[in-house]
């Protein structure tokens, strides 16, 4: 897929553009799926891969929602067009702890593997509530999100980090905003005016740690 083709992907009616690292803030599951399901279905219909990271207790609900819009998760998984992982197989796969370098490597692996399998694009959607659990490493979430911006420009694949506004505090939301060039808020995709270049953001983090 050409970069131009990838940039033609739309979400909430707007083009994703050349910086497809997006934070998506929702107030409820219904709001989330109203916006995200057309995006998921469109990608499947275009022959692209879907890679979803979700909470273990929401996996069955997620699969049913896919079926409700006419998708067949079993068949999609059989032909490797759909892959669903729970947190313990992704963010918390290191014995229940979060290792940001390992997760950055996994994201690269997933996007590279999608190309190797013959898919023109991978639409990656990740729910982020794992970071609210009392697990080693979860405080590194904003550093992880910022470092992703060093990696993702080599790919055209959209990576969408989903945050439930009912669960995340205002201070965390502000920091998450600063690490994503694009944002969905109020059901609208837009360029994020609060985004900070990763080099500047990571320097700031190191200053605070010192």
N, C-alpha and C. Protein backbone atom coordinates (compact mmCIF):
# COMPACT_ATOMS: atom_id res chain seq x y z
N UNK A 1 0.85 -1.20 0.00
CA UNK A 1 0.00 0.00 0.00
C UNK A 1 0.88 1.24 0.00
N UNK A 2 0.56 2.21 -0.85
CA UNK A 2 1.33 3.44 -0.89
C UNK A 2 1.01 4.30 0.32
N UNK A 3 1.95 5.21 0.63
CA UNK A 3 1.71 6.12 1.75
C UNK A 3 0.47 6.96 1.49
N UNK A 4 0.26 7.32 0.20
CA UNK A 4 -0.91 8.14 -0.12
C UNK A 4 -2.20 7.38 0.17
N UNK A 5 -2.19 6.08 -0.16
CA UNK A 5 -3.37 5.26 0.08
C UNK A 5 -3.64 5.15 1.57
N UNK A 6 -2.59 4.92 2.34
CA UNK A 6 -2.75 4.81 3.78
C UNK A 6 -3.31 6.09 4.37
N UNK A 7 -2.86 7.22 3.86
CA UNK A 7 -3.31 8.50 4.40
C UNK A 7 -4.76 8.78 4.04
N UNK A 8 -5.33 8.04 3.08
CA UNK A 8 -6.72 8.24 2.70
C UNK A 8 -7.69 7.57 3.68
N UNK A 9 -7.17 6.81 4.63
CA UNK A 9 -8.04 6.17 5.61
C UNK A 9 -8.75 7.23 6.43
N UNK A 10 -10.04 7.01 6.63
CA UNK A 10 -10.83 7.98 7.40
C UNK A 10 -11.32 7.37 8.70
N UNK A 11 -11.45 8.23 9.67
CA UNK A 11 -11.98 7.85 10.98
C UNK A 11 -12.80 9.04 11.47
N UNK A 12 -14.00 8.80 11.86
CA UNK A 12 -14.98 9.84 12.22
C UNK A 12 -15.14 10.86 11.09
N UNK A 13 -14.95 10.41 9.85
CA UNK A 13 -15.13 11.28 8.69
C UNK A 13 -13.92 12.11 8.32
N UNK A 14 -12.85 12.03 9.10
CA UNK A 14 -11.64 12.82 8.82
C UNK A 14 -10.50 11.90 8.42
N UNK A 15 -9.59 12.41 7.58
CA UNK A 15 -8.43 11.63 7.18
C UNK A 15 -7.45 11.51 8.34
N UNK A 16 -6.90 10.30 8.49
CA UNK A 16 -5.93 10.07 9.55
C UNK A 16 -4.64 10.86 9.28
N UNK A 17 -4.22 10.93 8.04
CA UNK A 17 -3.04 11.73 7.70
C UNK A 17 -1.74 10.97 7.87
N UNK A 18 -0.64 11.70 7.98
CA UNK A 18 0.69 11.10 7.95
C UNK A 18 1.21 10.71 9.33
N UNK A 19 0.47 11.02 10.39
CA UNK A 19 0.91 10.68 11.74
C UNK A 19 -0.18 9.83 12.41
N UNK A 20 -0.22 8.55 12.06
CA UNK A 20 -1.37 7.73 12.49
C UNK A 20 -1.24 7.13 13.88
N UNK A 21 -0.65 7.87 14.83
CA UNK A 21 -0.64 7.46 16.24
C UNK A 21 -1.70 8.30 16.94
N UNK A 22 -2.78 7.64 17.33
CA UNK A 22 -3.98 8.36 17.76
C UNK A 22 -4.37 7.92 19.17
N UNK A 23 -4.69 8.88 20.03
CA UNK A 23 -5.33 8.53 21.30
C UNK A 23 -6.82 8.81 21.13
N UNK A 24 -7.62 7.86 21.56
CA UNK A 24 -9.07 7.96 21.42
C UNK A 24 -9.71 7.94 22.80
N UNK A 25 -10.39 9.01 23.15
CA UNK A 25 -11.03 9.13 24.46
C UNK A 25 -12.54 8.94 24.31
N UNK A 26 -13.07 8.01 25.10
CA UNK A 26 -14.51 7.74 25.06
C UNK A 26 -15.07 7.71 26.48
N UNK A 27 -16.37 8.02 26.56
CA UNK A 27 -17.06 8.01 27.85
C UNK A 27 -17.74 6.68 28.14
N UNK A 28 -17.89 5.83 27.11
CA UNK A 28 -18.60 4.57 27.29
C UNK A 28 -18.23 3.61 26.17
N UNK A 29 -18.53 2.34 26.38
CA UNK A 29 -18.33 1.35 25.32
C UNK A 29 -19.19 1.65 24.12
N UNK A 30 -20.41 2.10 24.35
CA UNK A 30 -21.30 2.38 23.23
C UNK A 30 -20.73 3.48 22.34
N UNK A 31 -20.22 4.53 22.96
CA UNK A 31 -19.61 5.61 22.18
C UNK A 31 -18.40 5.08 21.41
N UNK A 32 -17.60 4.27 22.08
CA UNK A 32 -16.41 3.73 21.43
C UNK A 32 -16.76 2.91 20.19
N UNK A 33 -17.66 1.95 20.35
CA UNK A 33 -17.97 1.06 19.23
C UNK A 33 -18.74 1.78 18.12
N UNK A 34 -19.49 2.79 18.46
CA UNK A 34 -20.18 3.57 17.43
C UNK A 34 -19.17 4.20 16.48
N UNK A 35 -18.04 4.61 17.03
CA UNK A 35 -17.01 5.26 16.22
C UNK A 35 -16.02 4.26 15.63
N UNK A 36 -15.62 3.28 16.42
CA UNK A 36 -14.55 2.39 16.00
C UNK A 36 -15.01 1.24 15.11
N UNK A 37 -16.24 0.76 15.26
CA UNK A 37 -16.65 -0.41 14.49
C UNK A 37 -16.67 -0.15 12.98
N UNK A 38 -17.16 0.99 12.50
CA UNK A 38 -17.06 1.23 11.05
C UNK A 38 -15.61 1.23 10.55
N UNK A 39 -14.71 1.73 11.38
CA UNK A 39 -13.28 1.75 11.05
C UNK A 39 -12.74 0.33 10.97
N UNK A 40 -13.13 -0.52 11.93
CA UNK A 40 -12.69 -1.91 11.92
C UNK A 40 -13.24 -2.64 10.70
N UNK A 41 -14.53 -2.48 10.45
CA UNK A 41 -15.18 -3.21 9.35
C UNK A 41 -14.62 -2.77 8.01
N UNK A 42 -14.39 -1.48 7.85
CA UNK A 42 -13.84 -0.98 6.59
C UNK A 42 -12.48 -1.62 6.30
N UNK A 43 -11.64 -1.71 7.34
CA UNK A 43 -10.33 -2.31 7.15
C UNK A 43 -10.42 -3.76 6.71
N UNK A 44 -11.31 -4.52 7.33
CA UNK A 44 -11.50 -5.92 6.95
C UNK A 44 -11.96 -6.00 5.49
N UNK A 45 -12.90 -5.16 5.12
CA UNK A 45 -13.44 -5.19 3.76
C UNK A 45 -12.39 -4.79 2.73
N UNK A 46 -11.41 -4.00 3.14
CA UNK A 46 -10.33 -3.59 2.24
C UNK A 46 -9.19 -4.62 2.21
N UNK A 47 -9.35 -5.72 2.93
CA UNK A 47 -8.33 -6.75 2.93
C UNK A 47 -7.17 -6.46 3.85
N UNK A 48 -7.36 -5.56 4.81
CA UNK A 48 -6.31 -5.23 5.77
C UNK A 48 -6.43 -6.10 7.02
N UNK A 49 -5.39 -6.08 7.83
CA UNK A 49 -5.39 -6.88 9.05
C UNK A 49 -5.90 -6.05 10.22
N UNK A 50 -6.58 -6.72 11.15
CA UNK A 50 -7.03 -6.08 12.39
C UNK A 50 -6.31 -6.74 13.56
N UNK A 51 -5.67 -5.92 14.38
CA UNK A 51 -4.98 -6.42 15.57
C UNK A 51 -5.53 -5.66 16.76
N UNK A 52 -6.18 -6.37 17.68
CA UNK A 52 -6.86 -5.73 18.80
C UNK A 52 -6.31 -6.25 20.12
N UNK A 53 -6.05 -5.33 21.05
CA UNK A 53 -5.62 -5.68 22.40
C UNK A 53 -6.71 -5.21 23.36
N UNK A 54 -7.28 -6.16 24.12
CA UNK A 54 -8.44 -5.82 24.95
C UNK A 54 -8.33 -6.49 26.31
N UNK A 55 -9.18 -6.06 27.22
CA UNK A 55 -9.24 -6.66 28.55
C UNK A 55 -9.78 -8.08 28.44
N UNK A 56 -9.26 -9.00 29.24
CA UNK A 56 -9.74 -10.39 29.17
C UNK A 56 -11.25 -10.52 29.39
N UNK A 57 -11.80 -9.72 30.30
CA UNK A 57 -13.23 -9.84 30.60
C UNK A 57 -14.12 -9.22 29.53
N UNK A 58 -13.52 -8.54 28.55
CA UNK A 58 -14.31 -7.94 27.47
C UNK A 58 -14.15 -8.67 26.14
N UNK A 59 -13.38 -9.74 26.12
CA UNK A 59 -13.10 -10.43 24.87
C UNK A 59 -14.38 -10.99 24.23
N UNK A 60 -15.20 -11.67 25.02
CA UNK A 60 -16.42 -12.26 24.47
C UNK A 60 -17.35 -11.18 23.92
N UNK A 61 -17.48 -10.07 24.64
CA UNK A 61 -18.32 -8.96 24.20
C UNK A 61 -17.78 -8.37 22.88
N UNK A 62 -16.46 -8.26 22.78
CA UNK A 62 -15.85 -7.71 21.57
C UNK A 62 -16.13 -8.61 20.36
N UNK A 63 -15.98 -9.90 20.55
CA UNK A 63 -16.25 -10.85 19.46
C UNK A 63 -17.70 -10.77 19.02
N UNK A 64 -18.62 -10.65 19.99
CA UNK A 64 -20.04 -10.57 19.64
C UNK A 64 -20.35 -9.30 18.86
N UNK A 65 -19.72 -8.21 19.24
CA UNK A 65 -19.93 -6.96 18.51
C UNK A 65 -19.44 -7.07 17.08
N UNK A 66 -18.36 -7.79 16.85
CA UNK A 66 -17.89 -8.02 15.48
C UNK A 66 -18.93 -8.84 14.70
N UNK A 67 -19.47 -9.86 15.34
CA UNK A 67 -20.50 -10.67 14.67
C UNK A 67 -21.75 -9.85 14.36
N UNK A 68 -22.07 -8.90 15.25
CA UNK A 68 -23.28 -8.10 15.08
C UNK A 68 -23.25 -7.22 13.83
N UNK A 69 -22.05 -6.94 13.32
CA UNK A 69 -21.94 -6.12 12.09
C UNK A 69 -21.62 -6.99 10.88
N UNK A 70 -21.81 -8.31 11.03
CA UNK A 70 -21.67 -9.20 9.89
C UNK A 70 -20.28 -9.79 9.68
N UNK A 71 -19.38 -9.59 10.63
CA UNK A 71 -18.05 -10.16 10.51
C UNK A 71 -18.03 -11.55 11.17
N UNK A 72 -17.14 -12.40 10.67
CA UNK A 72 -17.00 -13.75 11.20
C UNK A 72 -15.63 -13.88 11.86
N UNK A 73 -15.54 -13.63 13.17
CA UNK A 73 -14.23 -13.64 13.83
C UNK A 73 -13.47 -14.95 13.67
N UNK A 74 -14.18 -16.08 13.71
CA UNK A 74 -13.50 -17.37 13.60
C UNK A 74 -12.82 -17.51 12.24
N UNK A 75 -13.53 -17.15 11.19
CA UNK A 75 -12.96 -17.24 9.85
C UNK A 75 -11.84 -16.22 9.67
N UNK A 76 -12.02 -15.02 10.19
CA UNK A 76 -10.98 -13.99 10.07
C UNK A 76 -9.71 -14.41 10.81
N UNK A 77 -9.88 -15.01 11.97
CA UNK A 77 -8.72 -15.49 12.72
C UNK A 77 -8.05 -16.66 12.00
N UNK A 78 -8.84 -17.52 11.38
CA UNK A 78 -8.29 -18.67 10.66
C UNK A 78 -7.37 -18.21 9.52
N UNK A 79 -7.77 -17.13 8.83
CA UNK A 79 -6.93 -16.66 7.73
C UNK A 79 -5.99 -15.53 8.15
N UNK A 80 -5.84 -15.37 9.47
CA UNK A 80 -4.89 -14.44 10.07
C UNK A 80 -5.18 -12.98 9.76
N UNK A 81 -6.42 -12.68 9.39
CA UNK A 81 -6.78 -11.29 9.14
C UNK A 81 -7.20 -10.58 10.43
N UNK A 82 -7.53 -11.35 11.44
CA UNK A 82 -7.90 -10.80 12.75
C UNK A 82 -7.06 -11.49 13.81
N UNK A 83 -6.47 -10.68 14.68
CA UNK A 83 -5.77 -11.22 15.84
C UNK A 83 -6.19 -10.42 17.06
N UNK A 84 -6.65 -11.12 18.07
CA UNK A 84 -7.07 -10.48 19.32
C UNK A 84 -6.19 -11.01 20.44
N UNK A 85 -5.62 -10.11 21.19
CA UNK A 85 -4.80 -10.50 22.34
C UNK A 85 -5.33 -9.81 23.59
N UNK A 86 -5.33 -10.55 24.67
CA UNK A 86 -5.64 -9.95 25.96
C UNK A 86 -4.35 -9.35 26.52
N UNK A 87 -4.49 -8.56 27.58
CA UNK A 87 -3.34 -7.82 28.11
C UNK A 87 -2.17 -8.73 28.46
N UNK A 88 -2.47 -9.92 29.00
CA UNK A 88 -1.40 -10.82 29.42
C UNK A 88 -0.60 -11.39 28.25
N UNK A 89 -1.11 -11.20 27.03
CA UNK A 89 -0.39 -11.63 25.83
C UNK A 89 0.22 -10.45 25.09
N UNK A 90 0.14 -9.28 25.71
CA UNK A 90 0.67 -8.07 25.07
C UNK A 90 1.37 -7.20 26.10
N UNK A 91 0.68 -6.19 26.62
CA UNK A 91 1.31 -5.24 27.53
C UNK A 91 1.86 -5.89 28.80
N UNK A 92 1.18 -6.93 29.27
CA UNK A 92 1.57 -7.54 30.55
C UNK A 92 2.12 -8.96 30.34
N UNK A 93 2.75 -9.18 29.20
CA UNK A 93 3.19 -10.55 28.89
C UNK A 93 4.47 -10.95 29.62
N UNK A 94 5.12 -10.03 30.30
CA UNK A 94 6.32 -10.35 31.06
C UNK A 94 5.95 -10.69 32.51
N UNK A 95 5.37 -11.86 32.67
CA UNK A 95 4.95 -12.32 34.00
C UNK A 95 4.06 -11.31 34.72
N UNK A 96 3.19 -10.66 33.95
CA UNK A 96 2.24 -9.73 34.52
C UNK A 96 2.76 -8.32 34.70
N UNK A 97 3.99 -8.04 34.28
CA UNK A 97 4.54 -6.69 34.40
C UNK A 97 4.65 -6.05 33.03
N UNK A 98 4.79 -4.73 33.01
CA UNK A 98 4.91 -3.97 31.77
C UNK A 98 6.37 -3.58 31.54
N UNK A 99 6.90 -4.01 30.40
CA UNK A 99 8.25 -3.66 29.99
C UNK A 99 8.13 -2.84 28.71
N UNK A 100 8.40 -1.55 28.79
CA UNK A 100 8.13 -0.68 27.65
C UNK A 100 8.96 -1.06 26.43
N UNK A 101 10.21 -1.46 26.62
CA UNK A 101 11.05 -1.83 25.48
C UNK A 101 10.54 -3.11 24.81
N UNK A 102 10.09 -4.05 25.61
CA UNK A 102 9.52 -5.27 25.06
C UNK A 102 8.26 -4.96 24.26
N UNK A 103 7.43 -4.04 24.78
CA UNK A 103 6.18 -3.71 24.09
C UNK A 103 6.45 -2.93 22.81
N UNK A 104 7.43 -2.05 22.82
CA UNK A 104 7.79 -1.35 21.58
C UNK A 104 8.25 -2.35 20.52
N UNK A 105 9.00 -3.36 20.96
CA UNK A 105 9.45 -4.40 20.03
C UNK A 105 8.26 -5.19 19.50
N UNK A 106 7.26 -5.46 20.36
CA UNK A 106 6.09 -6.20 19.92
C UNK A 106 5.30 -5.42 18.87
N UNK A 107 5.14 -4.13 19.07
CA UNK A 107 4.41 -3.32 18.09
C UNK A 107 5.11 -3.39 16.74
N UNK A 108 6.42 -3.24 16.73
CA UNK A 108 7.16 -3.36 15.46
C UNK A 108 6.98 -4.74 14.85
N UNK A 109 7.03 -5.75 15.68
CA UNK A 109 6.88 -7.13 15.21
C UNK A 109 5.50 -7.34 14.57
N UNK A 110 4.46 -6.83 15.22
CA UNK A 110 3.10 -7.00 14.72
C UNK A 110 2.93 -6.31 13.37
N UNK A 111 3.40 -5.08 13.27
CA UNK A 111 3.23 -4.33 12.01
C UNK A 111 4.07 -4.92 10.89
N UNK A 112 5.26 -5.38 11.23
CA UNK A 112 6.12 -6.02 10.22
C UNK A 112 5.53 -7.34 9.77
N UNK A 113 5.02 -8.12 10.73
CA UNK A 113 4.45 -9.43 10.41
C UNK A 113 3.23 -9.30 9.51
N UNK A 114 2.43 -8.25 9.74
CA UNK A 114 1.27 -8.03 8.88
C UNK A 114 1.68 -7.89 7.42
N UNK A 115 2.73 -7.13 7.17
CA UNK A 115 3.24 -6.98 5.80
C UNK A 115 3.75 -8.32 5.28
N UNK A 116 4.47 -9.05 6.13
CA UNK A 116 5.04 -10.33 5.72
C UNK A 116 3.94 -11.33 5.35
N UNK A 117 2.80 -11.23 6.04
CA UNK A 117 1.68 -12.13 5.76
C UNK A 117 0.91 -11.72 4.51
N UNK A 118 1.27 -10.57 3.93
CA UNK A 118 0.63 -10.14 2.69
C UNK A 118 -0.47 -9.12 2.85
N UNK A 119 -0.67 -8.60 4.07
CA UNK A 119 -1.70 -7.60 4.27
C UNK A 119 -1.14 -6.21 3.95
N UNK A 120 -1.89 -5.39 3.23
CA UNK A 120 -1.37 -4.06 2.87
C UNK A 120 -1.22 -3.13 4.07
N UNK A 121 -1.97 -3.40 5.12
CA UNK A 121 -1.99 -2.49 6.27
C UNK A 121 -2.51 -3.26 7.47
N UNK A 122 -2.06 -2.87 8.66
CA UNK A 122 -2.63 -3.40 9.91
C UNK A 122 -3.26 -2.24 10.67
N UNK A 123 -4.51 -2.41 11.04
CA UNK A 123 -5.19 -1.42 11.89
C UNK A 123 -5.13 -1.93 13.32
N UNK A 124 -4.29 -1.29 14.13
CA UNK A 124 -4.04 -1.75 15.49
C UNK A 124 -4.82 -0.90 16.48
N UNK A 125 -5.64 -1.54 17.28
CA UNK A 125 -6.44 -0.86 18.30
C UNK A 125 -6.12 -1.48 19.65
N UNK A 126 -5.72 -0.65 20.60
CA UNK A 126 -5.30 -1.15 21.90
C UNK A 126 -6.04 -0.43 23.02
N UNK A 127 -6.71 -1.19 23.87
CA UNK A 127 -7.32 -0.63 25.07
C UNK A 127 -6.26 -0.50 26.15
N UNK A 128 -6.28 0.59 26.89
CA UNK A 128 -5.16 0.94 27.75
C UNK A 128 -5.46 0.85 29.25
N UNK A 129 -6.57 0.24 29.62
CA UNK A 129 -6.92 0.20 31.05
C UNK A 129 -6.00 -0.70 31.87
N UNK A 130 -5.20 -1.53 31.20
CA UNK A 130 -4.21 -2.34 31.93
C UNK A 130 -3.30 -1.45 32.78
N UNK A 131 -3.08 -0.22 32.34
CA UNK A 131 -2.14 0.67 33.04
C UNK A 131 -2.70 1.16 34.38
N UNK A 132 -3.97 0.88 34.65
CA UNK A 132 -4.57 1.26 35.92
C UNK A 132 -4.37 0.19 36.99
N UNK A 133 -3.90 -0.98 36.57
CA UNK A 133 -3.72 -2.07 37.52
C UNK A 133 -2.42 -1.87 38.31
N UNK A 134 -2.37 -2.50 39.46
CA UNK A 134 -1.20 -2.42 40.32
C UNK A 134 -0.18 -3.47 39.85
N UNK A 135 0.53 -3.11 38.76
CA UNK A 135 1.50 -4.02 38.17
C UNK A 135 2.85 -3.30 38.02
N UNK A 136 3.95 -4.04 38.11
CA UNK A 136 5.26 -3.42 37.89
C UNK A 136 5.36 -2.81 36.49
N UNK A 137 5.89 -1.60 36.42
CA UNK A 137 6.17 -0.96 35.14
C UNK A 137 5.07 -0.10 34.57
N UNK A 138 3.85 -0.17 35.11
CA UNK A 138 2.74 0.54 34.47
C UNK A 138 2.92 2.06 34.48
N UNK A 139 3.74 2.56 35.41
CA UNK A 139 3.96 4.01 35.44
C UNK A 139 4.76 4.50 34.24
N UNK A 140 5.31 3.58 33.45
CA UNK A 140 6.07 3.96 32.26
C UNK A 140 5.19 4.18 31.05
N UNK A 141 3.88 4.21 31.23
CA UNK A 141 2.97 4.28 30.08
C UNK A 141 3.21 5.52 29.22
N UNK A 142 3.42 6.69 29.84
CA UNK A 142 3.57 7.89 29.01
C UNK A 142 4.91 7.88 28.27
N UNK A 143 5.95 7.32 28.90
CA UNK A 143 7.22 7.19 28.19
C UNK A 143 7.06 6.24 27.00
N UNK A 144 6.34 5.15 27.20
CA UNK A 144 6.06 4.20 26.12
C UNK A 144 5.33 4.90 24.98
N UNK A 145 4.27 5.65 25.32
CA UNK A 145 3.49 6.33 24.29
C UNK A 145 4.34 7.32 23.51
N UNK A 146 5.21 8.03 24.20
CA UNK A 146 6.08 8.99 23.52
C UNK A 146 7.09 8.28 22.62
N UNK A 147 7.69 7.21 23.12
CA UNK A 147 8.69 6.48 22.33
C UNK A 147 8.08 5.83 21.09
N UNK A 148 6.80 5.52 21.13
CA UNK A 148 6.15 4.99 19.93
C UNK A 148 6.28 5.95 18.75
N UNK A 149 6.35 7.23 19.05
CA UNK A 149 6.43 8.22 17.98
C UNK A 149 7.79 8.22 17.28
N UNK A 150 8.78 7.55 17.85
CA UNK A 150 10.05 7.33 17.16
C UNK A 150 9.96 6.15 16.20
N UNK A 151 9.05 5.21 16.50
CA UNK A 151 8.96 3.96 15.76
C UNK A 151 7.94 4.02 14.63
N UNK A 152 6.77 4.58 14.91
CA UNK A 152 5.65 4.47 13.97
C UNK A 152 5.84 5.19 12.64
N UNK A 153 6.67 6.25 12.55
CA UNK A 153 6.84 6.88 11.24
C UNK A 153 7.38 5.96 10.15
N UNK A 154 8.03 4.86 10.52
CA UNK A 154 8.54 3.93 9.50
C UNK A 154 7.43 3.03 8.96
N UNK A 155 6.26 3.11 9.56
CA UNK A 155 5.09 2.35 9.10
C UNK A 155 4.00 3.35 8.71
N UNK A 156 3.02 2.89 7.91
CA UNK A 156 1.84 3.72 7.64
C UNK A 156 0.62 3.24 8.42
N UNK A 157 0.79 2.17 9.19
CA UNK A 157 -0.34 1.53 9.86
C UNK A 157 -0.90 2.39 10.99
N UNK A 158 -2.20 2.58 11.05
CA UNK A 158 -2.79 3.36 12.15
C UNK A 158 -2.76 2.58 13.46
N UNK A 159 -2.30 3.25 14.51
CA UNK A 159 -2.25 2.67 15.86
C UNK A 159 -3.10 3.56 16.76
N UNK A 160 -4.16 2.99 17.29
CA UNK A 160 -5.12 3.76 18.07
C UNK A 160 -5.15 3.25 19.50
N UNK A 161 -4.83 4.13 20.44
CA UNK A 161 -4.80 3.79 21.86
C UNK A 161 -6.09 4.31 22.49
N UNK A 162 -6.91 3.39 22.99
CA UNK A 162 -8.24 3.73 23.48
C UNK A 162 -8.22 3.92 24.99
N UNK A 163 -8.74 5.06 25.44
CA UNK A 163 -8.79 5.39 26.86
C UNK A 163 -10.23 5.67 27.29
N UNK A 164 -10.61 5.07 28.38
CA UNK A 164 -11.94 5.26 28.96
C UNK A 164 -11.88 6.45 29.92
N UNK A 165 -12.53 7.53 29.55
CA UNK A 165 -12.47 8.74 30.36
C UNK A 165 -13.09 8.57 31.74
N UNK A 166 -13.93 7.56 31.89
CA UNK A 166 -14.53 7.31 33.20
C UNK A 166 -13.53 6.71 34.19
N UNK A 167 -12.39 6.21 33.65
CA UNK A 167 -11.43 5.53 34.51
C UNK A 167 -10.11 6.28 34.69
N UNK A 168 -9.78 7.16 33.77
CA UNK A 168 -8.50 7.86 33.84
C UNK A 168 -8.69 9.27 34.39
N UNK A 169 -7.79 9.67 35.30
CA UNK A 169 -7.86 10.99 35.89
C UNK A 169 -7.37 12.08 34.93
N UNK A 170 -7.69 13.32 35.27
CA UNK A 170 -7.37 14.45 34.39
C UNK A 170 -5.86 14.59 34.16
N UNK A 171 -5.05 14.39 35.19
CA UNK A 171 -3.60 14.55 35.04
C UNK A 171 -3.04 13.54 34.05
N UNK A 172 -3.53 12.30 34.11
CA UNK A 172 -3.07 11.27 33.17
C UNK A 172 -3.52 11.59 31.76
N UNK A 173 -4.76 12.02 31.60
CA UNK A 173 -5.28 12.36 30.28
C UNK A 173 -4.43 13.45 29.63
N UNK A 174 -4.03 14.44 30.41
CA UNK A 174 -3.20 15.53 29.87
C UNK A 174 -1.87 14.98 29.35
N UNK A 175 -1.24 14.09 30.12
CA UNK A 175 0.04 13.53 29.69
C UNK A 175 -0.12 12.64 28.45
N UNK A 176 -1.21 11.89 28.41
CA UNK A 176 -1.47 11.05 27.24
C UNK A 176 -1.67 11.93 26.00
N UNK A 177 -2.38 13.02 26.16
CA UNK A 177 -2.57 13.95 25.05
C UNK A 177 -1.23 14.44 24.50
N UNK A 178 -0.29 14.68 25.37
CA UNK A 178 0.99 15.24 24.95
C UNK A 178 1.84 14.24 24.16
N UNK A 179 1.42 12.97 24.13
CA UNK A 179 2.22 11.94 23.47
C UNK A 179 1.59 11.40 22.19
N UNK A 180 0.50 12.02 21.73
CA UNK A 180 -0.17 11.56 20.51
C UNK A 180 -0.38 12.73 19.54
N UNK A 181 0.09 12.60 18.31
CA UNK A 181 -0.09 13.70 17.35
C UNK A 181 -1.54 13.89 16.89
N UNK A 182 -2.36 12.82 17.02
CA UNK A 182 -3.77 12.91 16.65
C UNK A 182 -4.62 12.45 17.83
N UNK A 183 -5.84 12.97 17.91
CA UNK A 183 -6.71 12.64 19.04
C UNK A 183 -8.16 12.54 18.56
N UNK A 184 -8.89 11.59 19.15
CA UNK A 184 -10.34 11.54 19.00
C UNK A 184 -10.93 11.95 20.34
N UNK A 185 -11.68 13.02 20.33
CA UNK A 185 -12.35 13.47 21.55
C UNK A 185 -13.66 14.12 21.13
N UNK A 186 -14.71 13.82 21.88
CA UNK A 186 -16.03 14.30 21.47
C UNK A 186 -16.48 13.69 20.16
N UNK A 187 -15.95 12.51 19.84
CA UNK A 187 -16.34 11.81 18.61
C UNK A 187 -15.71 12.37 17.35
N UNK A 188 -14.71 13.23 17.50
CA UNK A 188 -14.10 13.88 16.32
C UNK A 188 -12.60 13.62 16.31
N UNK A 189 -12.07 13.22 15.15
CA UNK A 189 -10.63 13.07 14.97
C UNK A 189 -10.05 14.40 14.54
N UNK A 190 -8.97 14.81 15.23
CA UNK A 190 -8.35 16.08 14.89
C UNK A 190 -6.86 16.06 15.24
N UNK A 191 -6.12 16.97 14.62
CA UNK A 191 -4.72 17.13 15.01
C UNK A 191 -4.69 17.63 16.45
N UNK A 192 -3.73 17.15 17.20
CA UNK A 192 -3.67 17.42 18.63
C UNK A 192 -2.77 18.63 18.92
N UNK A 193 -3.33 19.74 19.34
CA UNK A 193 -2.51 20.93 19.60
C UNK A 193 -1.62 20.79 20.83
N UNK A 194 -1.85 19.79 21.65
CA UNK A 194 -1.05 19.59 22.87
C UNK A 194 0.13 18.62 22.66
N UNK A 195 0.24 18.10 21.44
CA UNK A 195 1.28 17.10 21.17
C UNK A 195 2.67 17.71 21.31
N UNK A 196 3.57 16.95 21.95
CA UNK A 196 4.96 17.39 22.14
C UNK A 196 5.88 16.40 21.42
N UNK A 197 6.81 16.94 20.65
CA UNK A 197 7.79 16.10 19.96
C UNK A 197 8.43 15.12 20.95
N UNK A 198 8.60 13.84 20.55
CA UNK A 198 9.10 12.85 21.52
C UNK A 198 10.46 13.17 22.11
N UNK A 199 11.36 13.75 21.34
CA UNK A 199 12.67 14.10 21.90
C UNK A 199 12.52 15.11 23.03
N UNK A 200 11.67 16.12 22.81
CA UNK A 200 11.44 17.12 23.86
C UNK A 200 10.71 16.53 25.06
N UNK A 201 9.73 15.67 24.78
CA UNK A 201 8.95 15.09 25.87
C UNK A 201 9.82 14.16 26.72
N UNK A 202 10.64 13.35 26.08
CA UNK A 202 11.47 12.40 26.82
C UNK A 202 12.56 13.12 27.61
N UNK A 203 13.06 14.24 27.08
CA UNK A 203 14.01 15.05 27.84
C UNK A 203 13.36 15.59 29.10
N UNK A 204 12.12 16.03 28.95
CA UNK A 204 11.37 16.55 30.10
C UNK A 204 11.15 15.46 31.14
N UNK A 205 10.82 14.25 30.68
CA UNK A 205 10.64 13.14 31.61
C UNK A 205 11.92 12.85 32.39
N UNK A 206 13.04 12.84 31.69
CA UNK A 206 14.32 12.55 32.35
C UNK A 206 14.65 13.62 33.39
N UNK A 207 14.31 14.87 33.08
CA UNK A 207 14.54 15.96 34.03
C UNK A 207 13.74 15.74 35.31
N UNK A 208 12.48 15.30 35.14
CA UNK A 208 11.64 15.05 36.32
C UNK A 208 12.15 13.87 37.13
N UNK A 209 12.73 12.89 36.45
CA UNK A 209 13.24 11.69 37.15
C UNK A 209 14.53 11.98 37.91
N UNK A 210 15.28 12.99 37.42
CA UNK A 210 16.60 13.28 38.02
C UNK A 210 16.46 13.83 39.44
